[in-house]
Amino acid sequence: TLAEQWQTKNPGQDIKYTVYTDYTTPDSQAKTQSLLKAHPDIDLIISVYSPDITRGVINALTAEGKAGTVPVSDIGGSEYAYEQIRAGNIQSTVPLFPYNLTYNPVEALGKAQTGTVPPRFIDDSQIGSAAKPVALTESTLSQYEPQY
């Protein structure tokens, strides 16, 4: 898995728990809150989807009195993630590009219909790249405007 690959490259930093949700805020909140109660020593949470899962994580941390004290890294780069970075509840976010993710394939299909062969891979990133994504922090939020 990606977690195992990351673990191999980052010895000494242990990924102890993977929590699977249905990508909704209520499910993410309930599962994160249960995890925090069972393991109060958690020292980092990585949310794979902003805003919904991340909102659940922040709600759970708030309910447990830990918002702003347990670092949270987010994937999504949504307006919500920006708000929470500014509030001190999230330390970083890796932006996703939903507009580009929709626009680029439609454009490629249009070109293909006119006989132009589109590229085999289209990187939808506005900053960074698919191979080297950029994690935005409070000091670098201005590099990108959220698409959602």
N, C-alpha and C. Protein backbone atom coordinates (compact mmCIF):
# COMPACT_ATOMS: atom_id res chain seq x y z
N THR A 1 0.84 -1.19 0.00
CA THR A 1 0.00 0.00 0.00
C THR A 1 0.88 1.25 0.00
N LEU A 2 0.27 2.39 -0.26
CA LEU A 2 1.01 3.65 -0.22
C LEU A 2 1.55 3.92 1.17
N ALA A 3 0.76 3.57 2.20
CA ALA A 3 1.23 3.78 3.57
C ALA A 3 2.49 2.96 3.84
N GLU A 4 2.50 1.74 3.37
CA GLU A 4 3.68 0.89 3.56
C GLU A 4 4.89 1.44 2.81
N GLN A 5 4.66 1.94 1.60
CA GLN A 5 5.75 2.54 0.84
C GLN A 5 6.30 3.77 1.56
N TRP A 6 5.40 4.59 2.07
CA TRP A 6 5.82 5.78 2.80
C TRP A 6 6.61 5.37 4.04
N GLN A 7 6.10 4.37 4.75
CA GLN A 7 6.75 3.88 5.97
C GLN A 7 8.18 3.44 5.70
N THR A 8 8.40 2.76 4.58
CA THR A 8 9.73 2.28 4.20
C THR A 8 10.69 3.46 3.99
N LYS A 9 10.17 4.53 3.40
CA LYS A 9 11.01 5.70 3.12
C LYS A 9 11.16 6.62 4.33
N ASN A 10 10.36 6.40 5.38
CA ASN A 10 10.39 7.27 6.55
C ASN A 10 10.51 6.44 7.83
N PRO A 11 11.65 5.75 7.99
CA PRO A 11 11.81 4.94 9.19
C PRO A 11 11.76 5.81 10.44
N GLY A 12 11.20 5.25 11.49
CA GLY A 12 11.10 6.00 12.75
C GLY A 12 9.80 6.76 12.88
N GLN A 13 9.05 6.86 11.80
CA GLN A 13 7.73 7.49 11.84
C GLN A 13 6.73 6.39 11.51
N ASP A 14 5.93 6.04 12.48
CA ASP A 14 5.04 4.89 12.33
C ASP A 14 3.62 5.29 11.98
N ILE A 15 3.08 4.69 10.93
CA ILE A 15 1.66 4.79 10.64
C ILE A 15 1.02 3.62 11.38
N LYS A 16 0.31 3.95 12.44
CA LYS A 16 -0.24 2.89 13.29
C LYS A 16 -1.67 2.51 12.94
N TYR A 17 -2.44 3.46 12.45
CA TYR A 17 -3.87 3.19 12.24
C TYR A 17 -4.32 3.76 10.90
N THR A 18 -5.07 2.98 10.19
CA THR A 18 -5.74 3.44 8.97
C THR A 18 -7.23 3.31 9.23
N VAL A 19 -7.94 4.40 9.08
CA VAL A 19 -9.37 4.41 9.34
C VAL A 19 -10.10 4.58 8.00
N TYR A 20 -10.96 3.64 7.69
CA TYR A 20 -11.74 3.71 6.45
C TYR A 20 -13.11 4.29 6.75
N THR A 21 -13.50 5.26 5.95
CA THR A 21 -14.81 5.91 6.13
C THR A 21 -15.60 5.82 4.84
N ASP A 22 -16.82 6.32 4.90
CA ASP A 22 -17.63 6.39 3.68
C ASP A 22 -17.52 7.77 3.03
N TYR A 23 -16.49 8.53 3.39
CA TYR A 23 -16.18 9.86 2.85
C TYR A 23 -17.20 10.93 3.27
N THR A 24 -17.99 10.66 4.31
CA THR A 24 -18.90 11.69 4.81
C THR A 24 -18.36 12.26 6.11
N THR A 25 -18.78 13.47 6.43
CA THR A 25 -18.35 14.11 7.66
C THR A 25 -18.81 13.34 8.90
N PRO A 26 -20.10 12.93 8.98
CA PRO A 26 -20.52 12.21 10.20
C PRO A 26 -19.74 10.91 10.44
N ASP A 27 -19.51 10.13 9.40
CA ASP A 27 -18.78 8.87 9.57
C ASP A 27 -17.33 9.15 9.95
N SER A 28 -16.73 10.12 9.31
CA SER A 28 -15.33 10.48 9.62
C SER A 28 -15.21 10.99 11.05
N GLN A 29 -16.16 11.79 11.46
CA GLN A 29 -16.13 12.32 12.82
C GLN A 29 -16.27 11.19 13.84
N ALA A 30 -17.25 10.32 13.65
CA ALA A 30 -17.48 9.23 14.60
C ALA A 30 -16.25 8.32 14.70
N LYS A 31 -15.68 7.95 13.58
CA LYS A 31 -14.54 7.03 13.59
C LYS A 31 -13.28 7.70 14.14
N THR A 32 -13.08 8.97 13.83
CA THR A 32 -11.93 9.68 14.37
C THR A 32 -12.08 9.86 15.88
N GLN A 33 -13.27 10.20 16.32
CA GLN A 33 -13.49 10.39 17.75
C GLN A 33 -13.28 9.08 18.51
N SER A 34 -13.74 7.98 17.96
CA SER A 34 -13.51 6.67 18.59
C SER A 34 -12.02 6.36 18.65
N LEU A 35 -11.31 6.65 17.58
CA LEU A 35 -9.87 6.40 17.55
C LEU A 35 -9.15 7.25 18.59
N LEU A 36 -9.52 8.52 18.70
CA LEU A 36 -8.89 9.41 19.67
C LEU A 36 -9.14 8.95 21.11
N LYS A 37 -10.33 8.44 21.37
CA LYS A 37 -10.64 7.95 22.72
C LYS A 37 -9.85 6.68 23.03
N ALA A 38 -9.72 5.81 22.06
CA ALA A 38 -9.00 4.55 22.27
C ALA A 38 -7.49 4.75 22.30
N HIS A 39 -7.01 5.77 21.60
CA HIS A 39 -5.56 6.00 21.48
C HIS A 39 -5.26 7.49 21.67
N PRO A 40 -5.29 7.97 22.90
CA PRO A 40 -5.11 9.41 23.14
C PRO A 40 -3.70 9.92 22.81
N ASP A 41 -2.77 9.02 22.51
CA ASP A 41 -1.40 9.43 22.19
C ASP A 41 -1.18 9.72 20.71
N ILE A 42 -2.24 9.70 19.91
CA ILE A 42 -2.09 10.00 18.47
C ILE A 42 -1.47 11.38 18.31
N ASP A 43 -0.44 11.45 17.45
CA ASP A 43 0.28 12.71 17.31
C ASP A 43 0.27 13.29 15.89
N LEU A 44 -0.52 12.72 14.99
CA LEU A 44 -0.68 13.25 13.64
C LEU A 44 -1.85 12.55 12.98
N ILE A 45 -2.65 13.32 12.26
CA ILE A 45 -3.74 12.75 11.47
C ILE A 45 -3.59 13.25 10.04
N ILE A 46 -3.69 12.32 9.10
CA ILE A 46 -3.67 12.68 7.68
C ILE A 46 -5.04 12.36 7.12
N SER A 47 -5.71 13.38 6.62
CA SER A 47 -7.03 13.23 6.02
C SER A 47 -6.87 13.18 4.51
N VAL A 48 -7.48 12.21 3.87
CA VAL A 48 -7.31 12.05 2.42
C VAL A 48 -8.35 12.77 1.59
N TYR A 49 -9.26 13.51 2.24
CA TYR A 49 -10.27 14.20 1.43
C TYR A 49 -10.83 15.41 2.16
N SER A 50 -10.64 16.55 1.55
CA SER A 50 -11.17 17.80 2.05
C SER A 50 -12.29 18.26 1.11
N PRO A 51 -13.41 18.73 1.62
CA PRO A 51 -13.64 19.11 3.00
C PRO A 51 -14.26 18.03 3.89
N ASP A 52 -14.92 17.04 3.35
CA ASP A 52 -15.80 16.17 4.14
C ASP A 52 -15.09 15.36 5.22
N ILE A 53 -14.08 14.58 4.88
CA ILE A 53 -13.38 13.80 5.89
C ILE A 53 -12.65 14.74 6.85
N THR A 54 -12.00 15.74 6.32
CA THR A 54 -11.26 16.67 7.16
C THR A 54 -12.18 17.38 8.14
N ARG A 55 -13.36 17.76 7.71
CA ARG A 55 -14.33 18.40 8.61
C ARG A 55 -14.67 17.44 9.76
N GLY A 56 -14.86 16.16 9.46
CA GLY A 56 -15.12 15.17 10.50
C GLY A 56 -13.96 15.05 11.47
N VAL A 57 -12.74 15.07 10.94
CA VAL A 57 -11.54 15.00 11.78
C VAL A 57 -11.48 16.21 12.71
N ILE A 58 -11.67 17.41 12.17
CA ILE A 58 -11.62 18.63 12.98
C ILE A 58 -12.73 18.64 14.01
N ASN A 59 -13.94 18.20 13.63
CA ASN A 59 -15.04 18.12 14.58
C ASN A 59 -14.70 17.17 15.73
N ALA A 60 -14.10 16.03 15.40
CA ALA A 60 -13.73 15.05 16.43
C ALA A 60 -12.65 15.61 17.35
N LEU A 61 -11.65 16.24 16.76
CA LEU A 61 -10.59 16.84 17.58
C LEU A 61 -11.15 17.92 18.49
N THR A 62 -12.07 18.72 17.97
CA THR A 62 -12.70 19.76 18.77
C THR A 62 -13.49 19.14 19.93
N ALA A 63 -14.27 18.11 19.63
CA ALA A 63 -15.06 17.44 20.66
C ALA A 63 -14.20 16.83 21.76
N GLU A 64 -12.99 16.41 21.39
CA GLU A 64 -12.08 15.80 22.36
C GLU A 64 -11.12 16.81 22.98
N GLY A 65 -11.30 18.09 22.65
CA GLY A 65 -10.45 19.13 23.20
C GLY A 65 -9.03 19.13 22.66
N LYS A 66 -8.86 18.60 21.46
CA LYS A 66 -7.52 18.47 20.89
C LYS A 66 -7.32 19.27 19.60
N ALA A 67 -8.31 20.05 19.20
CA ALA A 67 -8.16 20.85 17.97
C ALA A 67 -7.00 21.81 18.13
N GLY A 68 -6.14 21.84 17.14
CA GLY A 68 -4.97 22.70 17.16
C GLY A 68 -3.78 22.12 17.90
N THR A 69 -3.98 20.99 18.60
CA THR A 69 -2.85 20.38 19.33
C THR A 69 -2.35 19.11 18.66
N VAL A 70 -3.20 18.44 17.88
CA VAL A 70 -2.79 17.28 17.10
C VAL A 70 -2.64 17.76 15.66
N PRO A 71 -1.44 17.71 15.10
CA PRO A 71 -1.27 18.17 13.73
C PRO A 71 -2.13 17.38 12.74
N VAL A 72 -2.70 18.11 11.78
CA VAL A 72 -3.53 17.50 10.74
C VAL A 72 -2.97 17.93 9.40
N SER A 73 -2.77 16.95 8.52
CA SER A 73 -2.39 17.21 7.14
C SER A 73 -3.56 16.76 6.28
N ASP A 74 -3.88 17.53 5.27
CA ASP A 74 -5.09 17.35 4.49
C ASP A 74 -4.75 17.20 3.02
N ILE A 75 -5.56 16.42 2.32
CA ILE A 75 -5.46 16.36 0.87
C ILE A 75 -6.75 16.93 0.31
N GLY A 76 -6.64 17.93 -0.52
CA GLY A 76 -7.81 18.54 -1.13
C GLY A 76 -7.60 20.00 -1.46
N GLY A 77 -7.08 20.75 -0.50
CA GLY A 77 -6.88 22.18 -0.77
C GLY A 77 -8.16 22.93 -0.98
N SER A 78 -9.21 22.52 -0.28
CA SER A 78 -10.51 23.18 -0.42
C SER A 78 -10.54 24.49 0.36
N GLU A 79 -11.58 25.29 0.14
CA GLU A 79 -11.74 26.52 0.91
C GLU A 79 -11.79 26.21 2.41
N TYR A 80 -12.46 25.10 2.77
CA TYR A 80 -12.53 24.69 4.16
C TYR A 80 -11.12 24.44 4.72
N ALA A 81 -10.28 23.76 3.96
CA ALA A 81 -8.91 23.49 4.41
C ALA A 81 -8.17 24.80 4.65
N TYR A 82 -8.35 25.76 3.75
CA TYR A 82 -7.70 27.06 3.93
C TYR A 82 -8.17 27.72 5.23
N GLU A 83 -9.49 27.69 5.48
CA GLU A 83 -10.04 28.28 6.71
C GLU A 83 -9.41 27.62 7.93
N GLN A 84 -9.30 26.30 7.89
CA GLN A 84 -8.78 25.57 9.04
C GLN A 84 -7.27 25.75 9.22
N ILE A 85 -6.55 25.96 8.13
CA ILE A 85 -5.12 26.28 8.26
C ILE A 85 -4.99 27.63 8.94
N ARG A 86 -5.78 28.60 8.49
CA ARG A 86 -5.72 29.94 9.10
C ARG A 86 -6.14 29.91 10.57
N ALA A 87 -7.03 28.99 10.93
CA ALA A 87 -7.49 28.85 12.32
C ALA A 87 -6.49 28.06 13.18
N GLY A 88 -5.49 27.45 12.53
CA GLY A 88 -4.49 26.68 13.27
C GLY A 88 -4.86 25.23 13.52
N ASN A 89 -5.92 24.76 12.88
CA ASN A 89 -6.37 23.37 13.09
C ASN A 89 -5.77 22.39 12.09
N ILE A 90 -5.30 22.89 10.96
CA ILE A 90 -4.65 22.07 9.93
C ILE A 90 -3.30 22.72 9.66
N GLN A 91 -2.27 21.90 9.50
CA GLN A 91 -0.94 22.45 9.26
C GLN A 91 -0.58 22.50 7.78
N SER A 92 -1.15 21.59 6.97
CA SER A 92 -0.83 21.61 5.54
C SER A 92 -1.94 20.96 4.75
N THR A 93 -1.99 21.31 3.47
CA THR A 93 -2.94 20.70 2.55
C THR A 93 -2.28 20.53 1.18
N VAL A 94 -2.55 19.43 0.55
CA VAL A 94 -2.09 19.18 -0.82
C VAL A 94 -3.31 19.43 -1.72
N PRO A 95 -3.26 20.44 -2.58
CA PRO A 95 -4.44 20.77 -3.36
C PRO A 95 -4.77 19.74 -4.44
N LEU A 96 -6.06 19.56 -4.63
CA LEU A 96 -6.60 18.82 -5.77
C LEU A 96 -7.16 19.84 -6.75
N PHE A 97 -7.38 19.42 -7.97
CA PHE A 97 -7.76 20.35 -9.03
C PHE A 97 -9.01 19.85 -9.76
N PRO A 98 -10.18 19.88 -9.10
CA PRO A 98 -11.38 19.28 -9.69
C PRO A 98 -11.83 19.92 -11.00
N TYR A 99 -11.65 21.23 -11.14
CA TYR A 99 -12.02 21.86 -12.41
C TYR A 99 -11.16 21.30 -13.53
N ASN A 100 -9.85 21.26 -13.30
CA ASN A 100 -8.93 20.75 -14.31
C ASN A 100 -9.18 19.28 -14.59
N LEU A 101 -9.50 18.54 -13.54
CA LEU A 101 -9.75 17.10 -13.66
C LEU A 101 -10.95 16.82 -14.56
N THR A 102 -11.87 17.76 -14.63
CA THR A 102 -13.03 17.63 -15.52
C THR A 102 -12.75 18.25 -16.88
N TYR A 103 -12.19 19.44 -16.89
CA TYR A 103 -11.96 20.17 -18.12
C TYR A 103 -11.00 19.45 -19.07
N ASN A 104 -9.86 19.01 -18.55
CA ASN A 104 -8.83 18.41 -19.41
C ASN A 104 -9.31 17.17 -20.17
N PRO A 105 -10.00 16.23 -19.55
CA PRO A 105 -10.48 15.07 -20.31
C PRO A 105 -11.53 15.43 -21.37
N VAL A 106 -12.41 16.38 -21.03
CA VAL A 106 -13.42 16.79 -22.00
C VAL A 106 -12.75 17.45 -23.20
N GLU A 107 -11.76 18.28 -22.92
CA GLU A 107 -11.00 18.92 -24.01
C GLU A 107 -10.29 17.86 -24.86
N ALA A 108 -9.68 16.85 -24.21
CA ALA A 108 -8.98 15.79 -24.94
C ALA A 108 -9.96 14.99 -25.80
N LEU A 109 -11.15 14.72 -25.27
CA LEU A 109 -12.16 14.00 -26.07
C LEU A 109 -12.57 14.81 -27.29
N GLY A 110 -12.75 16.12 -27.08
CA GLY A 110 -13.10 16.98 -28.21
C GLY A 110 -12.04 16.96 -29.28
N LYS A 111 -10.78 17.03 -28.88
CA LYS A 111 -9.68 16.99 -29.85
C LYS A 111 -9.62 15.63 -30.55
N ALA A 112 -9.85 14.56 -29.81
CA ALA A 112 -9.82 13.22 -30.39
C ALA A 112 -10.91 13.06 -31.44
N GLN A 113 -12.06 13.68 -31.22
CA GLN A 113 -13.14 13.60 -32.20
C GLN A 113 -12.82 14.33 -33.49
N THR A 114 -11.89 15.26 -33.42
CA THR A 114 -11.50 15.98 -34.63
C THR A 114 -10.24 15.40 -35.25
N GLY A 115 -9.75 14.28 -34.70
CA GLY A 115 -8.60 13.60 -35.29
C GLY A 115 -7.28 13.89 -34.62
N THR A 116 -7.25 14.77 -33.65
CA THR A 116 -6.01 15.05 -32.93
C THR A 116 -5.82 14.00 -31.84
N VAL A 117 -4.66 13.42 -31.78
CA VAL A 117 -4.38 12.43 -30.75
C VAL A 117 -3.98 13.17 -29.48
N PRO A 118 -4.77 13.03 -28.43
CA PRO A 118 -4.42 13.73 -27.19
C PRO A 118 -3.24 13.05 -26.50
N PRO A 119 -2.60 13.74 -25.59
CA PRO A 119 -1.51 13.11 -24.85
C PRO A 119 -2.01 11.92 -24.04
N ARG A 120 -1.17 10.96 -23.82
CA ARG A 120 -1.55 9.75 -23.06
C ARG A 120 -1.81 10.09 -21.60
N PHE A 121 -1.10 11.05 -21.05
CA PHE A 121 -1.29 11.48 -19.66
C PHE A 121 -1.38 12.99 -19.61
N ILE A 122 -2.35 13.49 -18.89
CA ILE A 122 -2.50 14.93 -18.70
C ILE A 122 -2.41 15.21 -17.21
N ASP A 123 -1.42 15.95 -16.80
CA ASP A 123 -1.27 16.32 -15.40
C ASP A 123 -2.18 17.52 -15.14
N ASP A 124 -3.14 17.35 -14.24
CA ASP A 124 -4.11 18.42 -14.00
C ASP A 124 -3.62 19.45 -12.97
N SER A 125 -2.41 19.29 -12.47
CA SER A 125 -1.89 20.18 -11.43
C SER A 125 -1.70 21.60 -11.93
N GLN A 126 -2.06 22.55 -11.08
CA GLN A 126 -1.77 23.95 -11.37
C GLN A 126 -0.46 24.36 -10.72
N ILE A 127 -0.16 23.74 -9.60
CA ILE A 127 1.12 23.94 -8.93
C ILE A 127 1.66 22.56 -8.60
N GLY A 128 2.95 22.44 -8.57
CA GLY A 128 3.53 21.12 -8.38
C GLY A 128 3.20 20.24 -9.57
N SER A 129 3.20 18.94 -9.36
CA SER A 129 2.84 18.00 -10.41
C SER A 129 2.27 16.75 -9.77
N ALA A 130 1.73 15.88 -10.58
CA ALA A 130 1.22 14.61 -10.05
C ALA A 130 2.35 13.82 -9.41
N ALA A 131 3.54 13.89 -9.96
CA ALA A 131 4.69 13.17 -9.42
C ALA A 131 5.30 13.87 -8.21
N LYS A 132 5.19 15.20 -8.16
CA LYS A 132 5.74 15.97 -7.05
C LYS A 132 4.71 17.00 -6.58
N PRO A 133 3.71 16.53 -5.83
CA PRO A 133 2.68 17.46 -5.35
C PRO A 133 3.25 18.45 -4.34
N VAL A 134 2.57 19.58 -4.21
CA VAL A 134 2.99 20.64 -3.30
C VAL A 134 2.08 20.63 -2.08
N ALA A 135 2.68 20.64 -0.90
CA ALA A 135 1.90 20.79 0.34
C ALA A 135 1.93 22.25 0.73
N LEU A 136 0.75 22.84 0.80
CA LEU A 136 0.64 24.25 1.16
C LEU A 136 0.50 24.38 2.67
N THR A 137 1.15 25.40 3.21
CA THR A 137 1.06 25.72 4.63
C THR A 137 0.54 27.15 4.75
N GLU A 138 0.39 27.62 5.98
CA GLU A 138 -0.13 28.97 6.17
C GLU A 138 0.70 30.01 5.41
N SER A 139 1.99 29.81 5.36
CA SER A 139 2.86 30.80 4.70
C SER A 139 2.85 30.68 3.17
N THR A 140 2.31 29.60 2.62
CA THR A 140 2.33 29.43 1.17
C THR A 140 0.93 29.31 0.54
N LEU A 141 -0.12 29.57 1.31
CA LEU A 141 -1.48 29.45 0.77
C LEU A 141 -1.73 30.32 -0.46
N SER A 142 -1.05 31.45 -0.53
CA SER A 142 -1.27 32.37 -1.65
C SER A 142 -0.80 31.83 -3.00
N GLN A 143 -0.08 30.70 -3.00
CA GLN A 143 0.39 30.12 -4.27
C GLN A 143 -0.74 29.51 -5.09
N TYR A 144 -1.88 29.30 -4.48
CA TYR A 144 -2.97 28.59 -5.16
C TYR A 144 -4.31 29.06 -4.65
N GLU A 145 -5.24 29.24 -5.54
CA GLU A 145 -6.63 29.61 -5.19
C GLU A 145 -7.47 28.34 -5.23
N PRO A 146 -8.13 27.99 -4.12
CA PRO A 146 -8.93 26.74 -4.12
C PRO A 146 -9.97 26.72 -5.24
N GLN A 147 -10.15 25.54 -5.84
CA GLN A 147 -11.16 25.38 -6.90
C GLN A 147 -12.52 24.98 -6.35
N TYR A 148 -12.58 24.67 -5.05
CA TYR A 148 -13.86 24.30 -4.43
C TYR A 148 -13.83 24.57 -2.95
